[in-house]
Amino acid sequence: MQTANVQIKVKPLAELVTNTELQTEAERQLGICNSCRYCEGYCGTFKALTRYRSFDEATVNHLANLCHNCRGCYYACQYTEPHEFALNIPALLANVRAKNWEQHVKPQALSRVMQGSVWPYALLIVLFIVLFSTVIKVPWISAQPFYASISHNALVLIFTPLFVIPLISLAAGIRGYWKSVGGSRLRLSDLHEAMLSAASMKNLSGGQGQGCNYESGERYSSLRRWAHQATMYGFLLCFLSTSTATLYHYVLNSPAPYPLLSLPKLFGVAGGLLLSTGCAALWYLKTKSDRTLGSARRSTAEYVFIGLLFLVSTTGLLLYWSKDTGLASSWLIVHLSLVATFFIAIPYSKMAHGFFRLAALCREAQLQR
């Protein structure tokens, strides 16, 4: 008896546009992974995958947001192209993640545009440069001090809505995601476990400590993990700098400017240096990575966002070091414009991944409990 050869026709991931198409492909690929289980101990995503026998949309979204795109599974897999199964789990989950953020963060159209194009960022920066040039009303070449150029009250009036409104949109998106994956009432133990995982970024080492394959192919490297940690802790130090400055101003009745050895300045300078270094490293690693193992349609916007974060921190440092020089007012206008653009971009850009991933880690802690 002769058996006919059946060719599996797999549509390229780049051509999967709708959620239904992505979901169908996710069920196919994850089903094969679950049958093989060679990568079972690789990271939190594959450890979680073994709980399931089928993969509905909620499960796929949860697994996608657990994935750190370390790519170890791809290089270990025997079913990647040219095999007819054509598995590409890193790219699949990257596309599902991006679609997931777009689905939950409103307005969806703004999320899609800012994840896929450079132009919204460029337009916002130009608009804010015009705005701050008008508000500050000092020549671009001027040594006028920071708070002599723009008052504290004016900064609060401008930046409070720019910060709060995007955070409300992000919080609503996270709430929608939490409900969609069946999240229940959060315990402190779940949050604690998720925070520890996020702080150490253990899944960026494939969960086994040897590093990931993001920029090095079949070789392991820990550089991406270090770059992410520098970026995360640099950002947190910058946030802590702003928070302590707020306490100094409103609680201790000590308005800015502050000396170098004050907490706001120590946190800010250290955070800025870490953030700039981390973002520069992430940009470099992205140029070395294989675009076919990520969300190719959103690659340009990811570059733009990393660049924006780098420029926010670097211009902040330049603003501090250029005080009493003719470049002070120029760096002030540029820095404030970049910060304002960053605030608006928080829920609609790659920045959202940190918050969604933390939610996924909390959900995973619940499921393991």
Protein backbone atom coordinates (compact mmCIF):
# COMPACT_ATOMS: atom_id res chain seq x y z
CA MET A 1 0.00 0.00 0.00
CA GLN A 2 1.44 3.35 -1.06
CA THR A 3 1.05 6.37 1.19
CA ALA A 4 0.75 9.80 -0.39
CA ASN A 5 3.05 12.56 0.82
CA VAL A 6 1.07 15.40 2.31
CA GLN A 7 2.74 18.80 2.13
CA ILE A 8 2.00 21.17 5.00
CA LYS A 9 1.40 24.65 3.64
CA VAL A 10 2.56 27.21 6.19
CA LYS A 11 1.79 30.86 5.59
CA PRO A 12 4.71 33.21 6.47
CA LEU A 13 4.24 35.05 9.77
CA ALA A 14 4.64 38.41 8.06
CA GLU A 15 1.46 37.66 6.09
CA LEU A 16 -0.64 36.89 9.17
CA VAL A 17 -2.48 40.14 9.72
CA THR A 18 -5.60 39.33 11.72
CA ASN A 19 -5.89 38.01 15.26
CA THR A 20 -7.67 34.91 13.92
CA GLU A 21 -4.79 34.07 11.57
CA LEU A 22 -2.24 34.52 14.35
CA GLN A 23 -4.32 32.44 16.75
CA THR A 24 -4.62 29.58 14.24
CA GLU A 25 -0.88 29.58 13.61
CA ALA A 26 -0.17 29.78 17.35
CA GLU A 27 -2.32 26.71 17.98
CA ARG A 28 -0.42 24.83 15.27
CA GLN A 29 3.09 25.75 16.42
CA LEU A 30 2.48 25.46 20.15
CA GLY A 31 0.75 22.11 19.61
CA ILE A 32 3.90 20.77 17.93
CA CYS A 33 6.06 22.21 20.73
CA ASN A 34 3.88 20.58 23.34
CA SER A 35 4.26 17.23 21.63
CA CYS A 36 8.03 17.51 21.40
CA ARG A 37 8.89 19.24 24.73
CA TYR A 38 12.61 19.32 23.96
CA CYS A 39 12.69 22.93 25.24
CA GLU A 40 10.70 22.21 28.40
CA GLY A 41 13.35 23.54 30.81
CA TYR A 42 14.44 26.51 28.72
CA CYS A 43 12.42 29.37 30.24
CA GLY A 44 9.19 30.25 31.99
CA THR A 45 7.23 30.16 28.74
CA PHE A 46 8.02 26.51 28.04
CA LYS A 47 7.56 25.49 31.66
CA ALA A 48 4.09 27.07 31.54
CA LEU A 49 3.31 25.51 28.15
CA THR A 50 3.44 21.99 29.60
CA ARG A 51 0.31 22.69 31.68
CA TYR A 52 -1.87 22.84 28.60
CA ARG A 53 -3.27 20.37 26.10
CA SER A 54 -4.93 23.00 23.92
CA PHE A 55 -4.18 26.66 23.31
CA ASP A 56 -7.08 29.06 23.30
CA GLU A 57 -6.58 32.81 22.80
CA ALA A 58 -6.19 33.56 26.52
CA THR A 59 -3.49 30.89 26.90
CA VAL A 60 -1.61 32.05 23.81
CA ASN A 61 -1.66 35.66 25.03
CA HIS A 62 -0.38 34.61 28.45
CA LEU A 63 2.48 32.56 26.97
CA ALA A 64 3.37 35.36 24.56
CA ASN A 65 3.74 37.92 27.35
CA LEU A 66 5.86 35.51 29.38
CA CYS A 67 8.31 35.20 26.46
CA HIS A 68 11.43 37.39 26.63
CA ASN A 69 12.45 36.65 23.02
CA CYS A 70 15.77 35.11 24.10
CA ARG A 71 15.54 32.85 21.00
CA GLY A 72 17.21 29.83 22.59
CA CYS A 73 14.26 27.65 21.59
CA TYR A 74 14.65 28.57 17.93
CA TYR A 75 18.28 27.50 17.71
CA ALA A 76 17.59 24.28 19.62
CA CYS A 77 14.57 23.33 17.53
CA GLN A 78 14.71 20.58 14.91
CA TYR A 79 11.48 21.76 13.30
CA THR A 80 12.52 25.22 12.11
CA GLU A 81 12.87 25.90 8.39
CA PRO A 82 13.73 24.18 6.11
CA HIS A 83 11.65 21.56 7.96
CA GLU A 84 8.08 21.58 6.67
CA PHE A 85 6.73 22.44 10.14
CA ALA A 86 8.57 25.79 9.85
CA LEU A 87 8.40 26.59 13.58
CA ASN A 88 9.44 30.07 14.64
CA ILE A 89 8.21 30.46 18.22
CA PRO A 90 10.12 33.71 18.99
CA ALA A 91 8.63 35.54 16.00
CA LEU A 92 5.18 34.02 16.53
CA LEU A 93 4.99 35.13 20.17
CA ALA A 94 6.49 38.55 19.36
CA ASN A 95 3.69 39.16 16.86
CA VAL A 96 1.04 37.91 19.30
CA ARG A 97 2.41 40.20 22.03
CA ALA A 98 2.29 43.28 19.84
CA LYS A 99 -1.24 42.46 18.68
CA ASN A 100 -2.20 41.90 22.31
CA TRP A 101 -0.96 45.33 23.39
CA GLU A 102 -2.74 46.96 20.47
CA GLN A 103 -5.94 45.12 21.36
CA HIS A 104 -6.05 46.21 24.99
CA VAL A 105 -4.56 49.73 25.01
CA LYS A 106 -7.03 52.30 23.74
CA PRO A 107 -7.29 53.95 21.32
CA GLN A 108 -6.17 50.95 19.29
CA ALA A 109 -5.43 53.05 16.20
CA LEU A 110 -2.86 55.13 18.08
CA SER A 111 -1.23 51.98 19.46
CA ARG A 112 -0.97 50.47 15.96
CA VAL A 113 0.50 53.65 14.49
CA MET A 114 3.09 54.19 17.22
CA GLN A 115 4.18 50.55 17.15
CA GLY A 116 4.63 50.61 13.40
CA SER A 117 5.99 53.98 12.33
CA VAL A 118 8.58 56.63 13.12
CA TRP A 119 6.40 59.55 12.07
CA PRO A 120 4.26 59.95 15.22
CA TYR A 121 7.42 60.32 17.31
CA ALA A 122 8.97 62.83 14.92
CA LEU A 123 5.74 64.86 14.75
CA LEU A 124 5.34 64.95 18.53
CA ILE A 125 8.95 66.03 19.08
CA VAL A 126 8.61 68.87 16.57
CA LEU A 127 5.29 70.01 18.06
CA PHE A 128 6.71 70.04 21.59
CA ILE A 129 9.84 71.90 20.47
CA VAL A 130 7.58 74.59 19.05
CA LEU A 131 5.48 74.60 22.24
CA PHE A 132 8.41 74.87 24.65
CA SER A 133 10.17 77.44 22.47
CA THR A 134 7.02 79.54 22.82
CA VAL A 135 6.50 78.93 26.54
CA ILE A 136 10.11 79.37 27.63
CA LYS A 137 10.63 82.55 25.58
CA VAL A 138 14.42 82.60 25.74
CA PRO A 139 16.89 82.46 22.85
CA TRP A 140 18.09 79.02 21.84
CA ILE A 141 21.62 80.14 22.68
CA SER A 142 21.38 81.33 26.27
CA ALA A 143 23.01 80.54 29.62
CA GLN A 144 19.82 81.29 31.54
CA PRO A 145 19.31 78.74 34.39
CA PHE A 146 16.65 76.01 34.16
CA TYR A 147 14.06 77.46 36.55
CA ALA A 148 14.69 80.99 35.38
CA SER A 149 13.60 79.84 31.93
CA ILE A 150 10.42 78.02 32.95
CA SER A 151 8.71 77.98 36.32
CA HIS A 152 8.01 74.92 38.42
CA ASN A 153 4.26 75.60 38.20
CA ALA A 154 4.41 75.73 34.40
CA LEU A 155 6.20 72.38 34.30
CA VAL A 156 3.58 70.84 36.58
CA LEU A 157 0.75 72.28 34.49
CA ILE A 158 2.19 70.90 31.24
CA PHE A 159 3.53 67.52 32.36
CA THR A 160 0.85 66.36 34.80
CA PRO A 161 -1.76 65.59 32.11
CA LEU A 162 0.94 64.29 29.74
CA PHE A 163 1.95 61.78 32.41
CA VAL A 164 -1.37 60.91 34.04
CA ILE A 165 -3.56 60.43 30.95
CA PRO A 166 -1.26 57.86 29.25
CA LEU A 167 -0.92 56.02 32.58
CA ILE A 168 -4.71 55.79 32.85
CA SER A 169 -4.84 54.37 29.32
CA LEU A 170 -2.08 51.87 30.20
CA ALA A 171 -3.78 50.86 33.44
CA ALA A 172 -7.04 50.24 31.57
CA GLY A 173 -5.13 48.13 29.02
CA ILE A 174 -3.47 46.05 31.74
CA ARG A 175 -6.85 45.57 33.42
CA GLY A 176 -8.32 44.34 30.14
CA TYR A 177 -5.40 41.97 29.62
CA TRP A 178 -5.68 40.67 33.20
CA LYS A 179 -9.34 39.83 32.70
CA SER A 180 -8.69 38.24 29.30
CA VAL A 181 -6.18 35.74 30.73
CA GLY A 182 -8.43 34.85 33.68
CA GLY A 183 -6.45 36.73 36.33
CA SER A 184 -7.97 36.58 39.81
CA ARG A 185 -7.47 38.70 42.91
CA LEU A 186 -3.77 39.39 43.27
CA ARG A 187 -1.93 38.31 46.40
CA LEU A 188 1.19 40.00 47.72
CA SER A 189 3.04 36.70 47.35
CA ASP A 190 2.20 36.64 43.62
CA LEU A 191 3.39 40.21 43.15
CA HIS A 192 6.53 39.49 45.17
CA GLU A 193 7.42 36.49 43.04
CA ALA A 194 6.76 38.43 39.83
CA MET A 195 8.89 41.35 40.98
CA LEU A 196 11.79 39.06 41.85
CA SER A 197 11.62 37.48 38.40
CA ALA A 198 11.46 40.88 36.72
CA ALA A 199 14.30 42.29 38.84
CA SER A 200 16.66 39.43 38.02
CA MET A 201 15.41 38.97 34.43
CA LYS A 202 16.24 35.28 34.76
CA ASN A 203 14.24 34.40 31.65
CA LEU A 204 16.56 36.58 29.56
CA SER A 205 19.15 33.89 30.21
CA GLY A 206 16.87 31.19 28.89
CA GLY A 207 16.04 30.40 32.50
CA GLN A 208 19.22 28.34 32.84
CA GLY A 209 21.81 31.06 33.49
CA GLN A 210 23.96 30.51 30.41
CA GLY A 211 22.77 33.59 28.53
CA CYS A 212 20.49 34.01 25.53
CA ASN A 213 20.89 33.72 21.77
CA TYR A 214 19.39 37.07 20.79
CA GLU A 215 22.37 38.59 18.99
CA SER A 216 24.77 35.66 18.86
CA GLY A 217 22.82 32.95 17.03
CA GLU A 218 23.77 29.54 18.34
CA ARG A 219 26.26 31.04 20.82
CA TYR A 220 25.14 32.24 24.24
CA SER A 221 25.55 35.78 25.53
CA SER A 222 24.50 37.65 28.68
CA LEU A 223 24.94 41.12 27.17
CA ARG A 224 21.25 41.60 26.42
CA ARG A 225 20.32 40.73 30.00
CA TRP A 226 22.86 43.24 31.34
CA ALA A 227 21.66 45.89 28.88
CA HIS A 228 18.05 45.39 29.97
CA GLN A 229 19.03 45.59 33.62
CA ALA A 230 21.01 48.79 33.06
CA THR A 231 18.03 50.28 31.22
CA MET A 232 15.48 49.19 33.81
CA TYR A 233 17.46 50.23 36.87
CA GLY A 234 18.56 53.46 35.19
CA PHE A 235 14.94 54.30 34.46
CA LEU A 236 13.92 53.49 38.05
CA LEU A 237 16.71 55.69 39.43
CA CYS A 238 15.56 58.57 37.20
CA PHE A 239 12.00 58.07 38.46
CA LEU A 240 13.33 58.00 42.03
CA SER A 241 15.19 61.25 41.33
CA THR A 242 11.97 62.95 40.25
CA SER A 243 10.09 61.49 43.23
CA THR A 244 12.65 62.67 45.79
CA ALA A 245 12.77 66.11 44.16
CA THR A 246 8.98 66.28 44.56
CA LEU A 247 9.32 65.44 48.26
CA TYR A 248 12.05 68.04 48.67
CA HIS A 249 9.85 70.67 47.03
CA TYR A 250 6.49 70.00 48.67
CA VAL A 251 7.38 68.33 51.99
CA LEU A 252 10.75 69.82 52.91
CA ASN A 253 10.00 73.19 51.29
CA SER A 254 13.31 72.97 49.43
CA PRO A 255 12.86 73.97 45.77
CA ALA A 256 15.30 73.16 42.96
CA PRO A 257 18.07 73.48 41.92
CA TYR A 258 19.83 70.92 44.11
CA PRO A 259 23.56 70.34 44.65
CA LEU A 260 25.34 67.34 43.13
CA LEU A 261 25.47 65.43 46.41
CA SER A 262 21.74 65.73 47.05
CA LEU A 263 19.55 62.66 46.56
CA PRO A 264 17.70 63.99 43.48
CA LYS A 265 20.98 64.74 41.71
CA LEU A 266 22.73 61.51 42.76
CA PHE A 267 19.78 59.39 41.64
CA GLY A 268 19.35 61.42 38.44
CA VAL A 269 22.99 61.40 37.29
CA ALA A 270 23.51 57.71 38.14
CA GLY A 271 20.19 56.78 36.52
CA GLY A 272 20.90 58.84 33.42
CA LEU A 273 24.29 57.21 32.91
CA LEU A 274 22.86 53.71 33.36
CA LEU A 275 19.88 54.42 31.11
CA SER A 276 22.00 55.89 28.31
CA THR A 277 24.45 52.98 28.50
CA GLY A 278 21.68 50.36 28.56
CA CYS A 279 19.80 51.90 25.63
CA ALA A 280 22.98 52.24 23.54
CA ALA A 281 23.73 48.55 24.19
CA LEU A 282 20.16 47.51 23.30
CA TRP A 283 20.37 49.47 20.05
CA TYR A 284 23.67 47.79 19.18
CA LEU A 285 22.32 44.32 20.00
CA LYS A 286 19.24 44.97 17.88
CA THR A 287 21.45 45.67 14.86
CA LYS A 288 23.09 42.28 15.40
CA SER A 289 19.89 40.32 15.86
CA ASP A 290 17.94 38.33 13.25
CA ARG A 291 14.86 40.36 12.30
CA THR A 292 12.99 37.23 11.21
CA LEU A 293 12.89 36.10 14.86
CA GLY A 294 11.00 39.17 16.07
CA SER A 295 8.03 41.25 15.04
CA ALA A 296 9.42 42.51 11.74
CA ARG A 297 6.62 44.99 11.08
CA ARG A 298 7.36 46.79 14.32
CA SER A 299 11.14 46.69 14.15
CA THR A 300 11.52 50.31 13.01
CA ALA A 301 9.33 51.66 15.81
CA GLU A 302 11.30 49.58 18.32
CA TYR A 303 14.51 51.24 17.14
CA VAL A 304 12.82 54.63 17.43
CA PHE A 305 11.63 53.96 20.97
CA ILE A 306 15.07 52.79 22.15
CA GLY A 307 16.53 55.90 20.52
CA LEU A 308 13.95 58.12 22.21
CA LEU A 309 14.72 56.67 25.63
CA PHE A 310 18.46 57.13 24.99
CA LEU A 311 17.96 60.75 23.95
CA VAL A 312 15.77 61.49 27.00
CA SER A 313 18.50 60.34 29.39
CA THR A 314 21.43 61.75 27.41
CA THR A 315 19.93 65.21 26.90
CA GLY A 316 19.08 65.25 30.61
CA LEU A 317 22.75 64.70 31.41
CA LEU A 318 23.81 67.27 28.83
CA LEU A 319 21.34 69.76 30.29
CA TYR A 320 22.94 69.32 33.72
CA TRP A 321 26.52 69.56 32.43
CA SER A 322 25.79 72.54 30.14
CA LYS A 323 24.49 74.80 32.91
CA ASP A 324 25.98 78.33 32.81
CA THR A 325 26.88 77.83 29.14
CA GLY A 326 25.21 79.15 26.01
CA LEU A 327 23.77 75.70 25.26
CA ALA A 328 21.69 75.53 28.44
CA SER A 329 18.44 76.82 26.92
CA SER A 330 18.84 74.66 23.78
CA TRP A 331 19.23 71.46 25.75
CA LEU A 332 16.34 72.47 28.01
CA ILE A 333 13.92 72.86 25.07
CA VAL A 334 15.07 69.63 23.41
CA HIS A 335 15.05 67.62 26.65
CA LEU A 336 11.57 68.73 27.69
CA SER A 337 10.24 67.96 24.21
CA LEU A 338 11.71 64.46 24.30
CA VAL A 339 10.35 63.80 27.81
CA ALA A 340 6.87 64.94 26.78
CA THR A 341 6.97 62.66 23.72
CA PHE A 342 8.13 59.76 25.88
CA PHE A 343 5.26 60.25 28.33
CA ILE A 344 2.69 60.10 25.54
CA ALA A 345 4.40 57.03 24.03
CA ILE A 346 4.44 54.96 27.25
CA PRO A 347 1.23 52.93 26.67
CA TYR A 348 1.44 52.88 22.85
CA SER A 349 5.04 51.82 22.28
CA LYS A 350 7.42 49.01 23.21
CA MET A 351 7.45 50.51 26.72
CA ALA A 352 4.14 48.72 27.32
CA HIS A 353 5.92 45.35 27.23
CA GLY A 354 7.36 45.81 30.72
CA PHE A 355 3.96 46.34 32.30
CA PHE A 356 2.25 43.53 30.38
CA ARG A 357 5.11 41.16 31.16
CA LEU A 358 4.88 41.97 34.87
CA ALA A 359 1.16 41.20 34.70
CA ALA A 360 1.94 37.91 32.95
CA LEU A 361 4.48 37.03 35.64
CA CYS A 362 1.85 37.74 38.32
CA ARG A 363 -0.63 35.53 36.51
CA GLU A 364 1.98 32.79 36.19
CA ALA A 365 2.63 32.98 39.95
CA GLN A 366 -1.11 32.47 40.50
CA LEU A 367 -1.23 29.48 38.16
CA GLN A 368 1.76 27.87 39.85
CA ARG A 369 0.26 28.36 43.30
